[in-house]
Structure formats: structure tokens, C-alpha cells
Amino acid sequence: MKGLNKAFVERMVRDATAGRLTTRQAAAKLGCTRQYLNKLKKRYGESGASAFDHGNLGRAPG
């Protein structure tokens, strides 16, 4: 999923969560596995759009 637009990823996860796309279809469009998409769907349900932010966002570099 490297290099994909955050808005595109969010839209695919939203569509998969809402049932407009199957998990398999959304995973194919994103180029990831169904298991990883399920993980994204769970994180999206818990924390909304911030689930797609990079984990080091806002931290000082090492």
C-alpha cells in the first residue's frame, strides 16, 4: 500500500465497511491481503480517519 493516497485508502476501507465492496475487492484495489484490510477496518472503526496516519507522525526523529 506504499505510495497510495490516504484518501483513497480511507475510501476503500469505508466502502468495505459499509458493504459497497467486499473485503476481497477492496484488498485487491489496495494491493494488500484480506487479513490486513480487516485490521484496517477494525482500526478505522475504533479511531476513525486517524487510523491511516503513519505511526511516527508527530514524533521527533531518532
Protein backbone atom coordinates (compact mmCIF):
# COMPACT_ATOMS: atom_id res chain seq x y z
CA MET A 1 0.00 0.00 0.00
CA LYS A 2 3.05 2.19 -0.06
CA GLY A 3 2.56 5.24 -2.21
CA LEU A 4 -1.24 5.22 -2.15
CA ASN A 5 -3.18 8.34 -1.36
CA LYS A 6 -4.52 8.36 2.22
CA ALA A 7 -7.94 9.49 0.97
CA PHE A 8 -8.12 6.56 -1.46
CA VAL A 9 -7.25 4.05 1.26
CA GLU A 10 -9.84 5.59 3.56
CA ARG A 11 -12.50 5.44 0.85
CA MET A 12 -11.78 1.77 0.12
CA VAL A 13 -11.94 0.85 3.81
CA ARG A 14 -15.15 2.86 4.25
CA ASP A 15 -16.72 1.14 1.23
CA ALA A 16 -15.68 -2.29 2.52
CA THR A 17 -17.05 -1.49 5.98
CA ALA A 18 -20.34 -0.22 4.54
CA GLY A 19 -20.74 -3.26 2.29
CA ARG A 20 -20.38 -1.42 -1.03
CA LEU A 21 -17.27 -3.53 -1.70
CA THR A 22 -16.32 -6.95 -0.46
CA THR A 23 -13.19 -7.29 1.62
CA ARG A 24 -11.59 -9.20 -1.23
CA GLN A 25 -12.37 -6.47 -3.78
CA ALA A 26 -11.08 -3.68 -1.56
CA ALA A 27 -7.91 -5.62 -0.74
CA ALA A 28 -7.27 -6.20 -4.44
CA LYS A 29 -7.65 -2.49 -5.20
CA LEU A 30 -5.28 -1.58 -2.38
CA GLY A 31 -2.79 -4.33 -3.17
CA CYS A 32 -2.88 -5.87 0.30
CA THR A 33 -4.20 -9.04 1.90
CA ARG A 34 -7.71 -9.55 3.22
CA GLN A 35 -6.29 -10.02 6.70
CA TYR A 36 -4.56 -6.63 6.61
CA LEU A 37 -7.71 -4.97 5.29
CA ASN A 38 -9.68 -6.47 8.17
CA LYS A 39 -7.08 -4.98 10.53
CA LEU A 40 -7.53 -1.58 8.87
CA LYS A 41 -11.32 -1.87 9.13
CA LYS A 42 -11.03 -2.59 12.86
CA ARG A 43 -8.66 0.35 13.43
CA TYR A 44 -10.92 2.60 11.35
CA GLY A 45 -13.91 1.63 13.49
CA GLU A 46 -12.01 2.40 16.69
CA SER A 47 -10.28 5.66 15.79
CA GLY A 48 -11.75 6.94 12.52
CA ALA A 49 -9.60 8.56 9.84
CA SER A 50 -6.59 8.83 12.17
CA ALA A 51 -6.17 5.06 11.74
CA PHE A 52 -4.43 5.76 8.43
CA ASP A 53 -1.81 8.14 9.82
CA HIS A 54 1.76 6.90 9.99
CA GLY A 55 2.73 5.59 13.41
CA ASN A 56 5.64 8.05 13.79
CA LEU A 57 3.58 11.12 12.89
CA GLY A 58 4.43 13.99 15.21
CA ARG A 59 7.40 12.30 16.86
CA ALA A 60 10.94 13.59 16.80
CA PRO A 61 13.32 11.68 14.52
CA GLY A 62 15.77 9.31 16.14
